Every structure is written in C-alpha cells, then in structure tokens.
Amino acid sequence: MEEPVNTVSWILLALGFMSAIAGIAGLFNPRWFRSRMTGHVPHRSSIALITLAGTLFLGLHGVLFHDEGRLWHEWSYHRDVEDRTPKIVGTPQKFSTPTVMASVLGDFPPESGAFRMIRADPLHIQLVITDTKFLVDARQLQTRMLQAFQWGVWRTFMHTDHDEVTVTVIASMAIDGHTTLSGRVRRDTAVHVLQRHLGVQEFAALIMPDQKWTEVAKRCHYEGLGEPGLHACSRILAGRRLF
C-alpha cells in the first residue's frame, strides 16, 4: 500500500501545478476563464489569487517534503504523541549469553570479529564497525558508532538478564583523533529512557515480531524522526557526551 507521505506529496504537487498554470494563463488572457470555466471574465485580482494559491501549494510541498520528507515525519510523530505505543510489537527473544545473541541476530557477528565479549561480569562488550568504506565523512561514522552503541545497550537488556553493560565501539576511521567510544549503562537508566523519553513501559515496545526496530525505537536511533533523537538519547543513556 502506498505510504501516506507519498499520497500527500502528490496531492500538493498536483494542486500546486494546476492552480499555478491556470492562474498564469488567466493573467495573460482572462477570456480563457470565460470560455472554459465560468462563462464570464473574472477580475484579474481573482485570477491572481488562484496563482498565489498554486504558489503556496508548491511552497508547502517544498517545506514539508524536502530532505526525504523529514519535516512531514516529525509533524506526524508529534501529532500522535499521546499514543506512542506501537500497534504491533514483538516479544524479545532471550539468549543464554550476549555472544549467542550477537550470533543469532547477525548485526555484529562474532564470527567476523564484529562482536567480542571482553568481560562477563560486569558485562563489557566490544562492537567493531566494519563497513567504514561506505561512510563518506566523519559525521556519518559518528552516527554509525552511536547507533552501534545503542544496539549494544538495548539488545543486551532486551535479550539477556544482565543489569549493566559497558559498550565499546571501535572504527577504523578516526573522529577528532579518536577511533573508539565507550559508555556504561545500567538497566534502570534504560528503563527511565523508555518511560520518560519514549513514552513506553517495556523493552518489547522497541521491536517488531521479526526483532527489528519499531517506530518508537527509531526515535532513539535516528535524528529527525521524533524526540529524543540519536545524539540526545545516547547522551542520556551514557550519562555524558560520547563525542
């Protein structure tokens, strides 16, 4: 089914182009309206209003849907702020160890060296960013490292019984001279973020039945999809800035 954002985008474009073209044609030749629409020649001010309406529709489309429709998505999420719990959520799979978790989920496979458990108690895991050749600048790498940090935090508390985890993320490229970031998070801190900043009560609200992130979880994993956003959420979890 077509996404609502695409439907609204096409409607605004169609209204904008039709109004603008009709208005411009009428300004140059008001008789065009008499022969094709109303039967009388309208005043040029009325035709100018039609042109203005078309321009406004096109301008609104540009504001809402620039940058892949990010502003539209933000508005949509804030509009539904009173009902933040996703309609479909999954039950987190439970794993005996974080290493088994990483192997099954496959995002940071231990077999490739992307995941390593440095210490079991208190838990300390290491995640390695291995796809840096596809990242064109430091900002993209910073985003990827923060997302990896959050993966380690949320997945640990969802899929294991550990109450504390230190997540160290390593990348082959440097950001401000550093190739690693590390943060320690307690389970009660993560629960606080869930309830106060995401408006849900359980970790199950963060994943779909296929174990992928819900729209609620994406508000912590990306910028521009609702509050708190990637950087703020990572800072709250770690209790400090990671970059």
C-alpha atoms as a PDB file:
ATOM      1  CA  MET A   1       0.000   0.000   0.000  1.00  0.00           C
ATOM      2  CA  GLU A   2       1.262   3.497  -0.843  1.00  0.00           C
ATOM      3  CA  GLU A   3       2.769   5.435   2.032  1.00  0.00           C
ATOM      4  CA  PRO A   4       0.649   8.405   3.280  1.00  0.00           C
ATOM      5  CA  VAL A   5       3.618  10.713   2.867  1.00  0.00           C
ATOM      6  CA  ASN A   6       3.728   9.920  -0.872  1.00  0.00           C
ATOM      7  CA  THR A   7      -0.028  10.469  -1.255  1.00  0.00           C
ATOM      8  CA  VAL A   8       0.044  13.901   0.390  1.00  0.00           C
ATOM      9  CA  SER A   9       3.125  14.847  -1.617  1.00  0.00           C
ATOM     10  CA  TRP A  10       1.463  14.078  -4.945  1.00  0.00           C
ATOM     11  CA  ILE A  11      -1.775  15.846  -3.968  1.00  0.00           C
ATOM     12  CA  LEU A  12       0.094  19.040  -3.062  1.00  0.00           C
ATOM     13  CA  LEU A  13       2.127  18.879  -6.273  1.00  0.00           C
ATOM     14  CA  ALA A  14      -0.973  18.368  -8.424  1.00  0.00           C
ATOM     15  CA  LEU A  15      -2.922  21.190  -6.765  1.00  0.00           C
ATOM     16  CA  GLY A  16       0.066  23.490  -6.958  1.00  0.00           C
ATOM     17  CA  PHE A  17       0.835  22.915 -10.618  1.00  0.00           C
ATOM     18  CA  MET A  18      -2.830  23.070 -11.747  1.00  0.00           C
ATOM     19  CA  SER A  19      -3.550  26.277  -9.818  1.00  0.00           C
ATOM     20  CA  ALA A  20      -0.328  27.951 -10.865  1.00  0.00           C
ATOM     21  CA  ILE A  21      -0.729  27.083 -14.563  1.00  0.00           C
ATOM     22  CA  ALA A  22      -4.398  28.104 -14.633  1.00  0.00           C
ATOM     23  CA  GLY A  23      -3.663  31.343 -12.790  1.00  0.00           C
ATOM     24  CA  ILE A  24      -0.765  32.328 -15.030  1.00  0.00           C
ATOM     25  CA  ALA A  25      -2.796  31.557 -18.153  1.00  0.00           C
ATOM     26  CA  GLY A  26      -5.664  33.662 -16.815  1.00  0.00           C
ATOM     27  CA  LEU A  27      -3.426  36.625 -16.038  1.00  0.00           C
ATOM     28  CA  PHE A  28      -2.221  36.749 -19.624  1.00  0.00           C
ATOM     29  CA  ASN A  29      -5.635  36.024 -21.127  1.00  0.00           C
ATOM     30  CA  PRO A  30      -8.627  36.450 -18.766  1.00  0.00           C
ATOM     31  CA  ARG A  31     -11.009  35.397 -21.560  1.00  0.00           C
ATOM     32  CA  TRP A  32      -9.587  31.878 -21.182  1.00  0.00           C
ATOM     33  CA  PHE A  33     -11.633  31.544 -17.992  1.00  0.00           C
ATOM     34  CA  ARG A  34     -14.848  32.746 -19.631  1.00  0.00           C
ATOM     35  CA  SER A  35     -14.722  30.241 -22.446  1.00  0.00           C
ATOM     36  CA  ARG A  36     -13.675  27.257 -20.379  1.00  0.00           C
ATOM     37  CA  MET A  37     -14.975  27.717 -16.873  1.00  0.00           C
ATOM     38  CA  THR A  38     -17.349  30.362 -15.520  1.00  0.00           C
ATOM     39  CA  GLY A  39     -18.960  31.961 -18.565  1.00  0.00           C
ATOM     40  CA  HIS A  40     -17.831  35.456 -17.570  1.00  0.00           C
ATOM     41  CA  VAL A  41     -14.496  37.206 -17.411  1.00  0.00           C
ATOM     42  CA  PRO A  42     -13.254  37.349 -13.792  1.00  0.00           C
ATOM     43  CA  HIS A  43     -11.318  40.258 -12.383  1.00  0.00           C
ATOM     44  CA  ARG A  44      -7.553  39.936 -12.603  1.00  0.00           C
ATOM     45  CA  SER A  45      -7.314  40.033  -8.791  1.00  0.00           C
ATOM     46  CA  SER A  46      -9.312  36.805  -8.583  1.00  0.00           C
ATOM     47  CA  ILE A  47      -7.018  35.179 -11.096  1.00  0.00           C
ATOM     48  CA  ALA A  48      -4.020  36.410  -9.112  1.00  0.00           C
ATOM     49  CA  LEU A  49      -5.414  34.663  -6.024  1.00  0.00           C
ATOM     50  CA  ILE A  50      -5.555  31.391  -7.955  1.00  0.00           C
ATOM     51  CA  THR A  51      -1.938  31.863  -8.974  1.00  0.00           C
ATOM     52  CA  LEU A  52      -0.986  32.646  -5.375  1.00  0.00           C
ATOM     53  CA  ALA A  53      -2.781  29.515  -4.158  1.00  0.00           C
ATOM     54  CA  GLY A  54      -0.793  27.413  -6.607  1.00  0.00           C
ATOM     55  CA  THR A  55       2.433  29.007  -5.442  1.00  0.00           C
ATOM     56  CA  LEU A  56       1.525  28.350  -1.799  1.00  0.00           C
ATOM     57  CA  PHE A  57       0.753  24.690  -2.505  1.00  0.00           C
ATOM     58  CA  LEU A  58       4.127  24.276  -4.205  1.00  0.00           C
ATOM     59  CA  GLY A  59       5.887  26.111  -1.380  1.00  0.00           C
ATOM     60  CA  LEU A  60       4.167  23.952   1.242  1.00  0.00           C
ATOM     61  CA  HIS A  61       5.254  20.855  -0.633  1.00  0.00           C
ATOM     62  CA  GLY A  62       8.843  22.117  -0.659  1.00  0.00           C
ATOM     63  CA  VAL A  63       8.832  22.812   3.086  1.00  0.00           C
ATOM     64  CA  LEU A  64       7.225  19.532   4.153  1.00  0.00           C
ATOM     65  CA  PHE A  65       8.935  17.137   1.814  1.00  0.00           C
ATOM     66  CA  HIS A  66      12.463  18.432   1.398  1.00  0.00           C
ATOM     67  CA  ASP A  67      15.213  16.172   2.788  1.00  0.00           C
ATOM     68  CA  GLU A  68      13.173  12.999   2.105  1.00  0.00           C
ATOM     69  CA  GLY A  69      10.081  14.287   3.884  1.00  0.00           C
ATOM     70  CA  ARG A  70      11.776  14.601   7.264  1.00  0.00           C
ATOM     71  CA  LEU A  71       9.676  17.564   8.437  1.00  0.00           C
ATOM     72  CA  TRP A  72       6.466  15.736   7.493  1.00  0.00           C
ATOM     73  CA  HIS A  73       7.572  12.701   9.507  1.00  0.00           C
ATOM     74  CA  GLU A  74       8.415  14.865  12.534  1.00  0.00           C
ATOM     75  CA  TRP A  75       4.984  16.516  12.390  1.00  0.00           C
ATOM     76  CA  SER A  76       3.270  13.142  12.058  1.00  0.00           C
ATOM     77  CA  TYR A  77       5.054  11.702  15.064  1.00  0.00           C
ATOM     78  CA  HIS A  78       4.404  14.744  17.264  1.00  0.00           C
ATOM     79  CA  ARG A  79       0.735  14.714  16.242  1.00  0.00           C
ATOM     80  CA  ASP A  80       0.443  11.213  17.711  1.00  0.00           C
ATOM     81  CA  VAL A  81       2.470  11.945  20.833  1.00  0.00           C
ATOM     82  CA  GLU A  82      -0.395  10.865  23.097  1.00  0.00           C
ATOM     83  CA  ASP A  83      -0.380   7.391  21.575  1.00  0.00           C
ATOM     84  CA  ARG A  84       3.278   6.457  21.327  1.00  0.00           C
ATOM     85  CA  THR A  85       2.953   2.718  21.879  1.00  0.00           C
ATOM     86  CA  PRO A  86       3.246   0.874  18.551  1.00  0.00           C
ATOM     87  CA  LYS A  87       0.266  -1.161  17.399  1.00  0.00           C
ATOM     88  CA  ILE A  88       2.383  -4.228  16.673  1.00  0.00           C
ATOM     89  CA  VAL A  89       5.227  -5.180  18.984  1.00  0.00           C
ATOM     90  CA  GLY A  90       7.241  -8.324  19.405  1.00  0.00           C
ATOM     91  CA  THR A  91       8.410 -10.463  22.277  1.00  0.00           C
ATOM     92  CA  PRO A  92      12.192 -10.198  22.720  1.00  0.00           C
ATOM     93  CA  GLN A  93      13.986 -13.478  22.214  1.00  0.00           C
ATOM     94  CA  LYS A  94      16.051 -14.488  25.221  1.00  0.00           C
ATOM     95  CA  PHE A  95      19.614 -15.754  24.811  1.00  0.00           C
ATOM     96  CA  SER A  96      21.906 -17.511  27.261  1.00  0.00           C
ATOM     97  CA  THR A  97      24.844 -15.197  26.576  1.00  0.00           C
ATOM     98  CA  PRO A  98      25.455 -11.928  24.711  1.00  0.00           C
ATOM     99  CA  THR A  99      27.717 -13.813  22.281  1.00  0.00           C
ATOM    100  CA  VAL A 100      24.888 -16.151  21.300  1.00  0.00           C
ATOM    101  CA  MET A 101      22.612 -13.096  20.980  1.00  0.00           C
ATOM    102  CA  ALA A 102      25.012 -11.359  18.601  1.00  0.00           C
ATOM    103  CA  SER A 103      25.474 -14.514  16.534  1.00  0.00           C
ATOM    104  CA  VAL A 104      21.745 -15.121  16.100  1.00  0.00           C
ATOM    105  CA  LEU A 105      20.756 -11.502  15.425  1.00  0.00           C
ATOM    106  CA  GLY A 106      23.591 -11.124  12.925  1.00  0.00           C
ATOM    107  CA  ASP A 107      24.152  -7.366  13.114  1.00  0.00           C
ATOM    108  CA  PHE A 108      27.572  -7.790  14.725  1.00  0.00           C
ATOM    109  CA  PRO A 109      28.526 -11.423  14.100  1.00  0.00           C
ATOM    110  CA  PRO A 110      31.195 -12.747  16.478  1.00  0.00           C
ATOM    111  CA  GLU A 111      32.452 -15.000  13.687  1.00  0.00           C
ATOM    112  CA  SER A 112      33.725 -11.965  11.763  1.00  0.00           C
ATOM    113  CA  GLY A 113      35.203 -10.226  14.804  1.00  0.00           C
ATOM    114  CA  ALA A 114      32.485  -7.553  14.863  1.00  0.00           C
ATOM    115  CA  PHE A 115      31.385  -8.661  18.368  1.00  0.00           C
ATOM    116  CA  ARG A 116      33.531  -9.657  21.330  1.00  0.00           C
ATOM    117  CA  MET A 117      32.665 -10.138  24.988  1.00  0.00           C
ATOM    118  CA  ILE A 118      35.571  -8.600  26.890  1.00  0.00           C
ATOM    119  CA  ARG A 119      34.216  -9.405  30.355  1.00  0.00           C
ATOM    120  CA  ALA A 120      31.199 -11.372  31.521  1.00  0.00           C
ATOM    121  CA  ASP A 121      30.617  -9.756  34.936  1.00  0.00           C
ATOM    122  CA  PRO A 122      30.105  -6.877  34.950  1.00  0.00           C
ATOM    123  CA  LEU A 123      29.346  -7.242  31.264  1.00  0.00           C
ATOM    124  CA  HIS A 124      31.651  -5.450  28.815  1.00  0.00           C
ATOM    125  CA  ILE A 125      31.153  -5.968  25.087  1.00  0.00           C
ATOM    126  CA  GLN A 126      33.046  -4.639  22.084  1.00  0.00           C
ATOM    127  CA  LEU A 127      31.475  -3.819  18.712  1.00  0.00           C
ATOM    128  CA  VAL A 128      33.557  -3.158  15.606  1.00  0.00           C
ATOM    129  CA  ILE A 129      32.315  -1.029  12.703  1.00  0.00           C
ATOM    130  CA  THR A 130      33.487  -2.999   9.689  1.00  0.00           C
ATOM    131  CA  ASP A 131      31.721  -1.162   6.838  1.00  0.00           C
ATOM    132  CA  THR A 132      33.535   2.189   7.074  1.00  0.00           C
ATOM    133  CA  LYS A 133      34.405   2.158   3.347  1.00  0.00           C
ATOM    134  CA  PHE A 134      30.775   3.093   2.659  1.00  0.00           C
ATOM    135  CA  LEU A 135      30.910   6.102   5.015  1.00  0.00           C
ATOM    136  CA  VAL A 136      31.958   9.283   3.223  1.00  0.00           C
ATOM    137  CA  ASP A 137      32.636  11.584   6.173  1.00  0.00           C
ATOM    138  CA  ALA A 138      33.167  11.768   9.926  1.00  0.00           C
ATOM    139  CA  ARG A 139      29.550  12.731  10.580  1.00  0.00           C
ATOM    140  CA  GLN A 140      28.255   9.509   9.042  1.00  0.00           C
ATOM    141  CA  LEU A 141      30.791   7.494  11.021  1.00  0.00           C
ATOM    142  CA  GLN A 142      29.748   9.247  14.232  1.00  0.00           C
ATOM    143  CA  THR A 143      26.120   8.332  13.523  1.00  0.00           C
ATOM    144  CA  ARG A 144      27.066   4.722  12.842  1.00  0.00           C
ATOM    145  CA  MET A 145      29.087   4.481  16.063  1.00  0.00           C
ATOM    146  CA  LEU A 146      26.282   5.919  18.191  1.00  0.00           C
ATOM    147  CA  GLN A 147      23.803   3.530  16.600  1.00  0.00           C
ATOM    148  CA  ALA A 148      26.154   0.643  17.391  1.00  0.00           C
ATOM    149  CA  PHE A 149      26.445   1.845  20.994  1.00  0.00           C
ATOM    150  CA  GLN A 150      22.667   1.874  21.336  1.00  0.00           C
ATOM    151  CA  TRP A 151      22.416  -1.532  19.709  1.00  0.00           C
ATOM    152  CA  GLY A 152      24.687  -2.903  22.438  1.00  0.00           C
ATOM    153  CA  VAL A 153      22.651  -1.257  25.193  1.00  0.00           C
ATOM    154  CA  TRP A 154      19.100  -2.043  24.056  1.00  0.00           C
ATOM    155  CA  ARG A 155      19.839  -5.539  22.765  1.00  0.00           C
ATOM    156  CA  THR A 156      21.630  -6.518  25.978  1.00  0.00           C
ATOM    157  CA  PHE A 157      18.731  -5.508  28.198  1.00  0.00           C
ATOM    158  CA  MET A 158      16.058  -6.890  25.862  1.00  0.00           C
ATOM    159  CA  HIS A 159      17.620 -10.251  25.128  1.00  0.00           C
ATOM    160  CA  THR A 160      19.647 -11.090  28.266  1.00  0.00           C
ATOM    161  CA  ASP A 161      19.266 -10.767  32.031  1.00  0.00           C
ATOM    162  CA  HIS A 162      22.275  -8.503  32.573  1.00  0.00           C
ATOM    163  CA  ASP A 163      21.573  -5.397  34.669  1.00  0.00           C
ATOM    164  CA  GLU A 164      24.597  -3.427  33.495  1.00  0.00           C
ATOM    165  CA  VAL A 165      26.644  -3.236  30.312  1.00  0.00           C
ATOM    166  CA  THR A 166      29.676  -1.337  29.103  1.00  0.00           C
ATOM    167  CA  VAL A 167      29.658  -0.959  25.325  1.00  0.00           C
ATOM    168  CA  THR A 168      32.870  -0.100  23.478  1.00  0.00           C
ATOM    169  CA  VAL A 169      32.593   0.728  19.787  1.00  0.00           C
ATOM    170  CA  ILE A 170      35.670   0.658  17.526  1.00  0.00           C
ATOM    171  CA  ALA A 171      36.026   2.046  13.999  1.00  0.00           C
ATOM    172  CA  SER A 172      38.957   2.071  11.583  1.00  0.00           C
ATOM    173  CA  MET A 173      38.472   5.784  10.839  1.00  0.00           C
ATOM    174  CA  ALA A 174      39.103   8.463  13.456  1.00  0.00           C
ATOM    175  CA  ILE A 175      36.723  11.181  14.646  1.00  0.00           C
ATOM    176  CA  ASP A 176      38.574  14.092  16.261  1.00  0.00           C
ATOM    177  CA  GLY A 177      41.561  11.808  16.635  1.00  0.00           C
ATOM    178  CA  HIS A 178      39.601   9.009  18.325  1.00  0.00           C
ATOM    179  CA  THR A 179      38.639   5.640  16.893  1.00  0.00           C
ATOM    180  CA  THR A 180      36.671   4.369  19.913  1.00  0.00           C
ATOM    181  CA  LEU A 181      33.802   5.378  22.133  1.00  0.00           C
ATOM    182  CA  SER A 182      32.697   3.658  25.302  1.00  0.00           C
ATOM    183  CA  GLY A 183      29.841   4.040  27.764  1.00  0.00           C
ATOM    184  CA  ARG A 184      28.443   2.173  30.749  1.00  0.00           C
ATOM    185  CA  VAL A 185      24.659   1.890  31.165  1.00  0.00           C
ATOM    186  CA  ARG A 186      22.535   0.347  33.895  1.00  0.00           C
ATOM    187  CA  ARG A 187      19.198  -1.325  33.226  1.00  0.00           C
ATOM    188  CA  ASP A 188      17.292   1.171  35.377  1.00  0.00           C
ATOM    189  CA  THR A 189      18.700   4.033  33.289  1.00  0.00           C
ATOM    190  CA  ALA A 190      17.475   2.365  30.111  1.00  0.00           C
ATOM    191  CA  VAL A 191      14.038   1.850  31.679  1.00  0.00           C
ATOM    192  CA  HIS A 192      13.998   5.554  32.571  1.00  0.00           C
ATOM    193  CA  VAL A 193      14.644   6.466  28.931  1.00  0.00           C
ATOM    194  CA  LEU A 194      11.892   4.095  27.828  1.00  0.00           C
ATOM    195  CA  GLN A 195       9.277   5.530  30.124  1.00  0.00           C
ATOM    196  CA  ARG A 196      10.145   9.229  30.251  1.00  0.00           C
ATOM    197  CA  HIS A 197      11.569   9.934  26.802  1.00  0.00           C
ATOM    198  CA  LEU A 198       9.884   7.322  24.603  1.00  0.00           C
ATOM    199  CA  GLY A 199       6.587   7.022  26.452  1.00  0.00           C
ATOM    200  CA  VAL A 200       6.506   3.210  26.648  1.00  0.00           C
ATOM    201  CA  GLN A 201       6.780   0.828  29.571  1.00  0.00           C
ATOM    202  CA  GLU A 202       8.605  -2.262  28.326  1.00  0.00           C
ATOM    203  CA  PHE A 203      11.541  -3.182  26.113  1.00  0.00           C
ATOM    204  CA  ALA A 204       9.107  -5.171  23.972  1.00  0.00           C
ATOM    205  CA  ALA A 205       7.798  -1.864  22.615  1.00  0.00           C
ATOM    206  CA  LEU A 206      11.111  -1.362  20.815  1.00  0.00           C
ATOM    207  CA  ILE A 207      10.978  -4.382  18.498  1.00  0.00           C
ATOM    208  CA  MET A 208       8.659  -5.884  15.924  1.00  0.00           C
ATOM    209  CA  PRO A 209       7.855  -9.629  15.812  1.00  0.00           C
ATOM    210  CA  ASP A 210      10.802 -10.063  13.415  1.00  0.00           C
ATOM    211  CA  GLN A 211      13.058  -8.459  16.064  1.00  0.00           C
ATOM    212  CA  LYS A 212      13.620  -5.293  14.002  1.00  0.00           C
ATOM    213  CA  TRP A 213      13.208  -1.811  15.496  1.00  0.00           C
ATOM    214  CA  THR A 214       9.755  -0.258  15.864  1.00  0.00           C
ATOM    215  CA  GLU A 215       8.994   3.373  15.001  1.00  0.00           C
ATOM    216  CA  VAL A 216       9.308   4.192  18.710  1.00  0.00           C
ATOM    217  CA  ALA A 217      12.820   2.739  18.849  1.00  0.00           C
ATOM    218  CA  LYS A 218      13.832   4.655  15.733  1.00  0.00           C
ATOM    219  CA  ARG A 219      13.292   7.903  17.628  1.00  0.00           C
ATOM    220  CA  CYS A 220      16.424   6.983  19.574  1.00  0.00           C
ATOM    221  CA  HIS A 221      18.325   5.540  16.610  1.00  0.00           C
ATOM    222  CA  TYR A 222      17.943   8.439  14.166  1.00  0.00           C
ATOM    223  CA  GLU A 223      17.736  12.203  14.086  1.00  0.00           C
ATOM    224  CA  GLY A 224      14.591  13.813  12.716  1.00  0.00           C
ATOM    225  CA  LEU A 225      12.123  11.008  13.476  1.00  0.00           C
ATOM    226  CA  GLY A 226      10.931  12.420  16.787  1.00  0.00           C
ATOM    227  CA  GLU A 227      12.401  13.098  20.204  1.00  0.00           C
ATOM    228  CA  PRO A 228      14.810  12.498  21.809  1.00  0.00           C
ATOM    229  CA  GLY A 229      16.914  11.719  18.711  1.00  0.00           C
ATOM    230  CA  LEU A 230      20.140   9.743  18.292  1.00  0.00           C
ATOM    231  CA  HIS A 231      22.623  12.093  19.982  1.00  0.00           C
ATOM    232  CA  ALA A 232      20.413  13.085  22.926  1.00  0.00           C
ATOM    233  CA  CYS A 233      19.296   9.524  23.589  1.00  0.00           C
ATOM    234  CA  SER A 234      22.888   8.249  23.543  1.00  0.00           C
ATOM    235  CA  ARG A 235      23.949  11.044  25.908  1.00  0.00           C
ATOM    236  CA  ILE A 236      21.130  10.270  28.359  1.00  0.00           C
ATOM    237  CA  LEU A 237      21.911   6.551  28.343  1.00  0.00           C
ATOM    238  CA  ALA A 238      25.644   7.056  28.903  1.00  0.00           C
ATOM    239  CA  GLY A 239      25.211   9.957  31.310  1.00  0.00           C
ATOM    240  CA  ARG A 240      27.642  12.082  29.285  1.00  0.00           C
ATOM    241  CA  ARG A 241      28.545  13.127  25.764  1.00  0.00           C
ATOM    242  CA  LEU A 242      30.221  10.325  23.834  1.00  0.00           C
ATOM    243  CA  PHE A 243      31.816  12.682  21.289  1.00  0.00           C
END
